[in-house]
Amino acid sequence: MVTLEFGLMTVDRGRVREMMGEVMTSQGRTLPADDTADLRAIGFRSLDFSELALRVEDELGDELNFDAPGLRRIATVGDVLDFIEQLQTA
């Protein structure tokens, strides 16, 4: 779901998770229900993150600005969801 928050469009966490699942499904993988799942263990790579970010940007109609050092802290499904959430409010 896309919501309006303080005059800004945001994609809620559930929708980002859904899009993350779509990215994984397109690669023949399944997104686990557990947000603590390790990205390496489930095969979610940097290219998958880039595809997810593009999907979120398409839905927002705006760019997400992030840098490589920020991505290095991401290790779990929940980290991805938190990171995308933070990018939208930055």
PDB file of N, CA and C in Angstrom:
ATOM      1  N   MET A   1       0.831  -1.161   0.000  1.00  0.00           N
ATOM      2  CA  MET A   1       0.000   0.000   0.000  1.00  0.00           C
ATOM      3  C   MET A   1       0.889   1.241   0.000  1.00  0.00           C
ATOM      4  N   VAL A   2       0.517   2.225  -0.798  1.00  0.00           N
ATOM      5  CA  VAL A   2       1.202   3.510  -0.822  1.00  0.00           C
ATOM      6  C   VAL A   2       0.375   4.457   0.030  1.00  0.00           C
ATOM      7  N   THR A   3       1.022   5.136   0.981  1.00  0.00           N
ATOM      8  CA  THR A   3       0.321   6.063   1.851  1.00  0.00           C
ATOM      9  C   THR A   3       0.940   7.441   1.752  1.00  0.00           C
ATOM     10  N   LEU A   4       0.187   8.423   2.176  1.00  0.00           N
ATOM     11  CA  LEU A   4       0.661   9.795   2.218  1.00  0.00           C
ATOM     12  C   LEU A   4       1.023  10.098   3.664  1.00  0.00           C
ATOM     13  N   GLU A   5       2.281  10.432   3.919  1.00  0.00           N
ATOM     14  CA  GLU A   5       2.743  10.684   5.274  1.00  0.00           C
ATOM     15  C   GLU A   5       3.413  12.046   5.306  1.00  0.00           C
ATOM     16  N   PHE A   6       2.825  13.000   6.040  1.00  0.00           N
ATOM     17  CA  PHE A   6       3.364  14.354   6.137  1.00  0.00           C
ATOM     18  C   PHE A   6       3.621  14.946   4.759  1.00  0.00           C
ATOM     19  N   GLY A   7       2.695  14.704   3.827  1.00  0.00           N
ATOM     20  CA  GLY A   7       2.824  15.249   2.492  1.00  0.00           C
ATOM     21  C   GLY A   7       3.743  14.450   1.579  1.00  0.00           C
ATOM     22  N   LEU A   8       4.320  13.357   2.081  1.00  0.00           N
ATOM     23  CA  LEU A   8       5.222  12.533   1.284  1.00  0.00           C
ATOM     24  C   LEU A   8       4.604  11.170   1.053  1.00  0.00           C
ATOM     25  N   MET A   9       4.831  10.624  -0.125  1.00  0.00           N
ATOM     26  CA  MET A   9       4.354   9.279  -0.427  1.00  0.00           C
ATOM     27  C   MET A   9       5.307   8.268   0.195  1.00  0.00           C
ATOM     28  N   THR A  10       4.768   7.210   0.766  1.00  0.00           N
ATOM     29  CA  THR A  10       5.592   6.120   1.282  1.00  0.00           C
ATOM     30  C   THR A  10       4.953   4.791   0.901  1.00  0.00           C
ATOM     31  N   VAL A  11       5.784   3.782   0.795  1.00  0.00           N
ATOM     32  CA  VAL A  11       5.306   2.422   0.566  1.00  0.00           C
ATOM     33  C   VAL A  11       5.449   1.706   1.899  1.00  0.00           C
ATOM     34  N   ASP A  12       4.341   1.170   2.408  1.00  0.00           N
ATOM     35  CA  ASP A  12       4.409   0.580   3.742  1.00  0.00           C
ATOM     36  C   ASP A  12       5.218  -0.716   3.758  1.00  0.00           C
ATOM     37  N   ARG A  13       5.630  -1.093   4.945  1.00  0.00           N
ATOM     38  CA  ARG A  13       6.508  -2.242   5.166  1.00  0.00           C
ATOM     39  C   ARG A  13       5.939  -3.527   4.564  1.00  0.00           C
ATOM     40  N   GLY A  14       4.645  -3.734   4.727  1.00  0.00           N
ATOM     41  CA  GLY A  14       4.014  -4.938   4.185  1.00  0.00           C
ATOM     42  C   GLY A  14       4.116  -5.000   2.669  1.00  0.00           C
ATOM     43  N   ARG A  15       3.941  -3.860   2.022  1.00  0.00           N
ATOM     44  CA  ARG A  15       4.043  -3.819   0.555  1.00  0.00           C
ATOM     45  C   ARG A  15       5.481  -4.034   0.104  1.00  0.00           C
ATOM     46  N   VAL A  16       6.450  -3.450   0.838  1.00  0.00           N
ATOM     47  CA  VAL A  16       7.853  -3.669   0.496  1.00  0.00           C
ATOM     48  C   VAL A  16       8.186  -5.146   0.635  1.00  0.00           C
ATOM     49  N   ARG A  17       7.679  -5.790   1.683  1.00  0.00           N
ATOM     50  CA  ARG A  17       7.908  -7.226   1.889  1.00  0.00           C
ATOM     51  C   ARG A  17       7.304  -8.016   0.729  1.00  0.00           C
ATOM     52  N   GLU A  18       6.115  -7.620   0.320  1.00  0.00           N
ATOM     53  CA  GLU A  18       5.449  -8.281  -0.810  1.00  0.00           C
ATOM     54  C   GLU A  18       6.301  -8.144  -2.078  1.00  0.00           C
ATOM     55  N   MET A  19       6.819  -6.956  -2.330  1.00  0.00           N
ATOM     56  CA  MET A  19       7.664  -6.740  -3.509  1.00  0.00           C
ATOM     57  C   MET A  19       8.960  -7.547  -3.402  1.00  0.00           C
ATOM     58  N   MET A  20       9.504  -7.640  -2.201  1.00  0.00           N
ATOM     59  CA  MET A  20      10.710  -8.446  -1.988  1.00  0.00           C
ATOM     60  C   MET A  20      10.425  -9.905  -2.346  1.00  0.00           C
ATOM     61  N   GLY A  21       9.259 -10.396  -1.953  1.00  0.00           N
ATOM     62  CA  GLY A  21       8.839 -11.750  -2.308  1.00  0.00           C
ATOM     63  C   GLY A  21       8.704 -11.924  -3.808  1.00  0.00           C
ATOM     64  N   GLU A  22       8.191 -10.895  -4.490  1.00  0.00           N
ATOM     65  CA  GLU A  22       8.054 -10.956  -5.945  1.00  0.00           C
ATOM     66  C   GLU A  22       9.419 -11.047  -6.628  1.00  0.00           C
ATOM     67  N   VAL A  23      10.387 -10.273  -6.109  1.00  0.00           N
ATOM     68  CA  VAL A  23      11.745 -10.322  -6.658  1.00  0.00           C
ATOM     69  C   VAL A  23      12.309 -11.728  -6.508  1.00  0.00           C
ATOM     70  N   MET A  24      12.132 -12.312  -5.331  1.00  0.00           N
ATOM     71  CA  MET A  24      12.668 -13.655  -5.088  1.00  0.00           C
ATOM     72  C   MET A  24      11.951 -14.697  -5.933  1.00  0.00           C
ATOM     73  N   THR A  25      10.642 -14.570  -6.052  1.00  0.00           N
ATOM     74  CA  THR A  25       9.865 -15.520  -6.850  1.00  0.00           C
ATOM     75  C   THR A  25      10.308 -15.485  -8.312  1.00  0.00           C
ATOM     76  N   SER A  26      10.618 -14.287  -8.810  1.00  0.00           N
ATOM     77  CA  SER A  26      11.061 -14.184 -10.203  1.00  0.00           C
ATOM     78  C   SER A  26      12.404 -14.877 -10.420  1.00  0.00           C
ATOM     79  N   GLN A  27      13.126 -15.137  -9.336  1.00  0.00           N
ATOM     80  CA  GLN A  27      14.413 -15.842  -9.393  1.00  0.00           C
ATOM     81  C   GLN A  27      14.270 -17.319  -8.989  1.00  0.00           C
ATOM     82  N   GLY A  28      13.025 -17.762  -8.800  1.00  0.00           N
ATOM     83  CA  GLY A  28      12.784 -19.159  -8.444  1.00  0.00           C
ATOM     84  C   GLY A  28      13.024 -19.463  -6.977  1.00  0.00           C
ATOM     85  N   ARG A  29      12.994 -18.416  -6.141  1.00  0.00           N
ATOM     86  CA  ARG A  29      13.202 -18.609  -4.702  1.00  0.00           C
ATOM     87  C   ARG A  29      11.974 -18.133  -3.949  1.00  0.00           C
ATOM     88  N   THR A  30      11.915 -18.457  -2.670  1.00  0.00           N
ATOM     89  CA  THR A  30      10.780 -18.079  -1.836  1.00  0.00           C
ATOM     90  C   THR A  30      11.260 -17.234  -0.666  1.00  0.00           C
ATOM     91  N   LEU A  31      10.548 -16.152  -0.387  1.00  0.00           N
ATOM     92  CA  LEU A  31      10.864 -15.311   0.760  1.00  0.00           C
ATOM     93  C   LEU A  31      10.299 -15.951   2.018  1.00  0.00           C
ATOM     94  N   PRO A  32      11.147 -16.240   3.019  1.00  0.00           N
ATOM     95  CA  PRO A  32      10.640 -16.827   4.258  1.00  0.00           C
ATOM     96  C   PRO A  32       9.778 -15.830   5.036  1.00  0.00           C
ATOM     97  N   ALA A  33       8.904 -16.330   5.865  1.00  0.00           N
ATOM     98  CA  ALA A  33       8.030 -15.481   6.679  1.00  0.00           C
ATOM     99  C   ALA A  33       8.791 -14.791   7.807  1.00  0.00           C
ATOM    100  N   ASP A  34       9.932 -15.326   8.152  1.00  0.00           N
ATOM    101  CA  ASP A  34      10.723 -14.834   9.288  1.00  0.00           C
ATOM    102  C   ASP A  34      11.611 -13.665   8.870  1.00  0.00           C
ATOM    103  N   ASP A  35      11.417 -12.507   9.506  1.00  0.00           N
ATOM    104  CA  ASP A  35      12.230 -11.326   9.196  1.00  0.00           C
ATOM    105  C   ASP A  35      13.682 -11.473   9.634  1.00  0.00           C
ATOM    106  N   THR A  36      13.988 -12.479  10.451  1.00  0.00           N
ATOM    107  CA  THR A  36      15.378 -12.680  10.889  1.00  0.00           C
ATOM    108  C   THR A  36      16.156 -13.580   9.928  1.00  0.00           C
ATOM    109  N   ALA A  37      15.505 -14.013   8.847  1.00  0.00           N
ATOM    110  CA  ALA A  37      16.176 -14.879   7.873  1.00  0.00           C
ATOM    111  C   ALA A  37      17.384 -14.160   7.276  1.00  0.00           C
ATOM    112  N   ASP A  38      18.514 -14.859   7.218  1.00  0.00           N
ATOM    113  CA  ASP A  38      19.757 -14.323   6.678  1.00  0.00           C
ATOM    114  C   ASP A  38      19.674 -14.232   5.158  1.00  0.00           C
ATOM    115  N   LEU A  39      20.053 -13.076   4.620  1.00  0.00           N
ATOM    116  CA  LEU A  39      19.957 -12.857   3.174  1.00  0.00           C
ATOM    117  C   LEU A  39      20.833 -13.810   2.376  1.00  0.00           C
ATOM    118  N   ARG A  40      22.023 -14.087   2.872  1.00  0.00           N
ATOM    119  CA  ARG A  40      22.903 -15.022   2.155  1.00  0.00           C
ATOM    120  C   ARG A  40      22.295 -16.418   2.114  1.00  0.00           C
ATOM    121  N   ALA A  41      21.691 -16.819   3.215  1.00  0.00           N
ATOM    122  CA  ALA A  41      21.101 -18.158   3.291  1.00  0.00           C
ATOM    123  C   ALA A  41      19.924 -18.321   2.326  1.00  0.00           C
ATOM    124  N   ILE A  42      19.184 -17.236   2.093  1.00  0.00           N
ATOM    125  CA  ILE A  42      18.024 -17.335   1.196  1.00  0.00           C
ATOM    126  C   ILE A  42      18.359 -16.912  -0.236  1.00  0.00           C
ATOM    127  N   GLY A  43      19.609 -16.494  -0.468  1.00  0.00           N
ATOM    128  CA  GLY A  43      20.045 -16.160  -1.812  1.00  0.00           C
ATOM    129  C   GLY A  43      19.629 -14.779  -2.291  1.00  0.00           C
ATOM    130  N   PHE A  44      19.364 -13.856  -1.380  1.00  0.00           N
ATOM    131  CA  PHE A  44      19.003 -12.484  -1.748  1.00  0.00           C
ATOM    132  C   PHE A  44      20.280 -11.682  -1.873  1.00  0.00           C
ATOM    133  N   ARG A  45      20.630 -11.303  -3.093  1.00  0.00           N
ATOM    134  CA  ARG A  45      21.908 -10.649  -3.399  1.00  0.00           C
ATOM    135  C   ARG A  45      21.720  -9.152  -3.660  1.00  0.00           C
ATOM    136  N   SER A  46      22.830  -8.466  -3.865  1.00  0.00           N
ATOM    137  CA  SER A  46      22.784  -7.019  -4.095  1.00  0.00           C
ATOM    138  C   SER A  46      21.974  -6.669  -5.344  1.00  0.00           C
ATOM    139  N   LEU A  47      22.045  -7.501  -6.359  1.00  0.00           N
ATOM    140  CA  LEU A  47      21.248  -7.259  -7.560  1.00  0.00           C
ATOM    141  C   LEU A  47      19.752  -7.348  -7.244  1.00  0.00           C
ATOM    142  N   ASP A  48      19.387  -8.285  -6.367  1.00  0.00           N
ATOM    143  CA  ASP A  48      17.988  -8.396  -5.932  1.00  0.00           C
ATOM    144  C   ASP A  48      17.567  -7.143  -5.171  1.00  0.00           C
ATOM    145  N   PHE A  49      18.474  -6.626  -4.324  1.00  0.00           N
ATOM    146  CA  PHE A  49      18.169  -5.401  -3.590  1.00  0.00           C
ATOM    147  C   PHE A  49      17.944  -4.250  -4.572  1.00  0.00           C
ATOM    148  N   SER A  50      18.777  -4.167  -5.591  1.00  0.00           N
ATOM    149  CA  SER A  50      18.634  -3.111  -6.595  1.00  0.00           C
ATOM    150  C   SER A  50      17.282  -3.205  -7.298  1.00  0.00           C
ATOM    151  N   GLU A  51      16.878  -4.416  -7.642  1.00  0.00           N
ATOM    152  CA  GLU A  51      15.573  -4.608  -8.283  1.00  0.00           C
ATOM    153  C   GLU A  51      14.447  -4.195  -7.341  1.00  0.00           C
ATOM    154  N   LEU A  52      14.564  -4.560  -6.070  1.00  0.00           N
ATOM    155  CA  LEU A  52      13.559  -4.176  -5.080  1.00  0.00           C
ATOM    156  C   LEU A  52      13.497  -2.654  -4.968  1.00  0.00           C
ATOM    157  N   ALA A  53      14.647  -2.008  -4.874  1.00  0.00           N
ATOM    158  CA  ALA A  53      14.683  -0.544  -4.764  1.00  0.00           C
ATOM    159  C   ALA A  53      14.016   0.102  -5.974  1.00  0.00           C
ATOM    160  N   LEU A  54      14.261  -0.422  -7.169  1.00  0.00           N
ATOM    161  CA  LEU A  54      13.622   0.118  -8.373  1.00  0.00           C
ATOM    162  C   LEU A  54      12.108  -0.037  -8.331  1.00  0.00           C
ATOM    163  N   ARG A  55      11.652  -1.167  -7.833  1.00  0.00           N
ATOM    164  CA  ARG A  55      10.207  -1.385  -7.717  1.00  0.00           C
ATOM    165  C   ARG A  55       9.581  -0.394  -6.737  1.00  0.00           C
ATOM    166  N   VAL A  56      10.266  -0.161  -5.618  1.00  0.00           N
ATOM    167  CA  VAL A  56       9.768   0.800  -4.624  1.00  0.00           C
ATOM    168  C   VAL A  56       9.757   2.200  -5.241  1.00  0.00           C
ATOM    169  N   GLU A  57      10.827   2.551  -5.951  1.00  0.00           N
ATOM    170  CA  GLU A  57      10.888   3.858  -6.606  1.00  0.00           C
ATOM    171  C   GLU A  57       9.754   4.026  -7.612  1.00  0.00           C
ATOM    172  N   ASP A  58       9.473   2.983  -8.379  1.00  0.00           N
ATOM    173  CA  ASP A  58       8.379   3.038  -9.353  1.00  0.00           C
ATOM    174  C   ASP A  58       7.048   3.305  -8.655  1.00  0.00           C
ATOM    175  N   GLU A  59       6.841   2.646  -7.531  1.00  0.00           N
ATOM    176  CA  GLU A  59       5.585   2.810  -6.808  1.00  0.00           C
ATOM    177  C   GLU A  59       5.498   4.189  -6.155  1.00  0.00           C
ATOM    178  N   LEU A  60       6.640   4.688  -5.679  1.00  0.00           N
ATOM    179  CA  LEU A  60       6.676   6.014  -5.053  1.00  0.00           C
ATOM    180  C   LEU A  60       6.611   7.138  -6.074  1.00  0.00           C
ATOM    181  N   GLY A  61       7.159   6.861  -7.258  1.00  0.00           N
ATOM    182  CA  GLY A  61       7.299   7.920  -8.241  1.00  0.00           C
ATOM    183  C   GLY A  61       8.430   8.866  -7.878  1.00  0.00           C
ATOM    184  N   ASP A  62       9.395   8.363  -7.104  1.00  0.00           N
ATOM    185  CA  ASP A  62      10.529   9.169  -6.648  1.00  0.00           C
ATOM    186  C   ASP A  62      11.727   8.249  -6.416  1.00  0.00           C
ATOM    187  N   GLU A  63      12.919   8.846  -6.390  1.00  0.00           N
ATOM    188  CA  GLU A  63      14.138   8.067  -6.163  1.00  0.00           C
ATOM    189  C   GLU A  63      14.404   7.835  -4.688  1.00  0.00           C
ATOM    190  N   LEU A  64      14.992   6.676  -4.383  1.00  0.00           N
ATOM    191  CA  LEU A  64      15.533   6.404  -3.057  1.00  0.00           C
ATOM    192  C   LEU A  64      17.028   6.679  -3.142  1.00  0.00           C
ATOM    193  N   ASN A  65      17.537   7.488  -2.261  1.00  0.00           N
ATOM    194  CA  ASN A  65      18.961   7.813  -2.277  1.00  0.00           C
ATOM    195  C   ASN A  65      19.672   7.039  -1.183  1.00  0.00           C
ATOM    196  N   PHE A  66      20.583   6.166  -1.599  1.00  0.00           N
ATOM    197  CA  PHE A  66      21.340   5.379  -0.623  1.00  0.00           C
ATOM    198  C   PHE A  66      22.748   5.168  -1.134  1.00  0.00           C
ATOM    199  N   ASP A  67      23.642   4.814  -0.212  1.00  0.00           N
ATOM    200  CA  ASP A  67      25.038   4.596  -0.580  1.00  0.00           C
ATOM    201  C   ASP A  67      25.476   3.188  -0.195  1.00  0.00           C
ATOM    202  N   ALA A  68      26.573   2.773  -0.774  1.00  0.00           N
ATOM    203  CA  ALA A  68      27.079   1.415  -0.544  1.00  0.00           C
ATOM    204  C   ALA A  68      27.379   1.125   0.929  1.00  0.00           C
ATOM    205  N   PRO A  69      27.973   2.052   1.696  1.00  0.00           N
ATOM    206  CA  PRO A  69      28.235   1.739   3.107  1.00  0.00           C
ATOM    207  C   PRO A  69      26.965   1.389   3.884  1.00  0.00           C
ATOM    208  N   GLY A  70      25.861   2.035   3.561  1.00  0.00           N
ATOM    209  CA  GLY A  70      24.599   1.721   4.226  1.00  0.00           C
ATOM    210  C   GLY A  70      24.135   0.304   3.938  1.00  0.00           C
ATOM    211  N   LEU A  71      24.414  -0.169   2.729  1.00  0.00           N
ATOM    212  CA  LEU A  71      24.009  -1.521   2.340  1.00  0.00           C
ATOM    213  C   LEU A  71      24.799  -2.592   3.076  1.00  0.00           C
ATOM    214  N   ARG A  72      26.001  -2.280   3.480  1.00  0.00           N
ATOM    215  CA  ARG A  72      26.851  -3.278   4.143  1.00  0.00           C
ATOM    216  C   ARG A  72      26.302  -3.727   5.488  1.00  0.00           C
ATOM    217  N   ARG A  73      25.447  -2.915   6.093  1.00  0.00           N
ATOM    218  CA  ARG A  73      24.862  -3.264   7.395  1.00  0.00           C
ATOM    219  C   ARG A  73      23.677  -4.229   7.260  1.00  0.00           C
ATOM    220  N   ILE A  74      23.226  -4.442   6.051  1.00  0.00           N
ATOM    221  CA  ILE A  74      22.031  -5.255   5.824  1.00  0.00           C
ATOM    222  C   ILE A  74      22.399  -6.730   5.781  1.00  0.00           C
ATOM    223  N   ALA A  75      21.795  -7.519   6.687  1.00  0.00           N
ATOM    224  CA  ALA A  75      22.103  -8.952   6.750  1.00  0.00           C
ATOM    225  C   ALA A  75      20.859  -9.832   6.763  1.00  0.00           C
ATOM    226  N   THR A  76      19.709  -9.267   7.132  1.00  0.00           N
ATOM    227  CA  THR A  76      18.485 -10.065   7.251  1.00  0.00           C
ATOM    228  C   THR A  76      17.349  -9.431   6.446  1.00  0.00           C
ATOM    229  N   VAL A  77      16.273 -10.185   6.305  1.00  0.00           N
ATOM    230  CA  VAL A  77      15.070  -9.674   5.642  1.00  0.00           C
ATOM    231  C   VAL A  77      14.595  -8.409   6.359  1.00  0.00           C
ATOM    232  N   GLY A  78      14.548  -8.454   7.685  1.00  0.00           N
ATOM    233  CA  GLY A  78      14.115  -7.300   8.469  1.00  0.00           C
ATOM    234  C   GLY A  78      15.000  -6.086   8.251  1.00  0.00           C
ATOM    235  N   ASP A  79      16.303  -6.312   8.087  1.00  0.00           N
ATOM    236  CA  ASP A  79      17.226  -5.205   7.806  1.00  0.00           C
ATOM    237  C   ASP A  79      16.864  -4.515   6.493  1.00  0.00           C
ATOM    238  N   VAL A  80      16.518  -5.300   5.482  1.00  0.00           N
ATOM    239  CA  VAL A  80      16.123  -4.725   4.191  1.00  0.00           C
ATOM    240  C   VAL A  80      14.872  -3.869   4.388  1.00  0.00           C
ATOM    241  N   LEU A  81      13.881  -4.414   5.078  1.00  0.00           N
ATOM    242  CA  LEU A  81      12.632  -3.691   5.291  1.00  0.00           C
ATOM    243  C   LEU A  81      12.872  -2.407   6.083  1.00  0.00           C
ATOM    244  N   ASP A  82      13.703  -2.484   7.122  1.00  0.00           N
ATOM    245  CA  ASP A  82      14.039  -1.299   7.922  1.00  0.00           C
ATOM    246  C   ASP A  82      14.750  -0.257   7.071  1.00  0.00           C
ATOM    247  N   PHE A  83      15.709  -0.710   6.258  1.00  0.00           N
ATOM    248  CA  PHE A  83      16.509   0.195   5.436  1.00  0.00           C
ATOM    249  C   PHE A  83      15.629   0.945   4.436  1.00  0.00           C
ATOM    250  N   ILE A  84      14.746   0.227   3.759  1.00  0.00           N
ATOM    251  CA  ILE A  84      13.842   0.863   2.790  1.00  0.00           C
ATOM    252  C   ILE A  84      12.925   1.844   3.515  1.00  0.00           C
ATOM    253  N   GLU A  85      12.455   1.459   4.685  1.00  0.00           N
ATOM    254  CA  GLU A  85      11.596   2.339   5.478  1.00  0.00           C
ATOM    255  C   GLU A  85      12.339   3.623   5.853  1.00  0.00           C
ATOM    256  N   GLN A  86      13.574   3.494   6.282  1.00  0.00           N
ATOM    257  CA  GLN A  86      14.385   4.657   6.665  1.00  0.00           C
ATOM    258  C   GLN A  86      14.662   5.548   5.459  1.00  0.00           C
ATOM    259  N   LEU A  87      14.923   4.960   4.309  1.00  0.00           N
ATOM    260  CA  LEU A  87      15.194   5.744   3.102  1.00  0.00           C
ATOM    261  C   LEU A  87      14.005   6.623   2.728  1.00  0.00           C
ATOM    262  N   GLN A  88      12.827   6.115   2.971  1.00  0.00           N
ATOM    263  CA  GLN A  88      11.627   6.858   2.600  1.00  0.00           C
ATOM    264  C   GLN A  88      11.372   8.051   3.519  1.00  0.00           C
ATOM    265  N   THR A  89      11.903   7.995   4.729  1.00  0.00           N
ATOM    266  CA  THR A  89      11.658   9.078   5.669  1.00  0.00           C
ATOM    267  C   THR A  89      12.857  10.020   5.789  1.00  0.00           C
ATOM    268  N   ALA A  90      13.933   9.709   5.036  1.00  0.00           N
ATOM    269  CA  ALA A  90      15.136  10.551   5.113  1.00  0.00           C
ATOM    270  C   ALA A  90      14.973  11.836   4.328  1.00  0.00           C
TER     271      ALA A  90
END
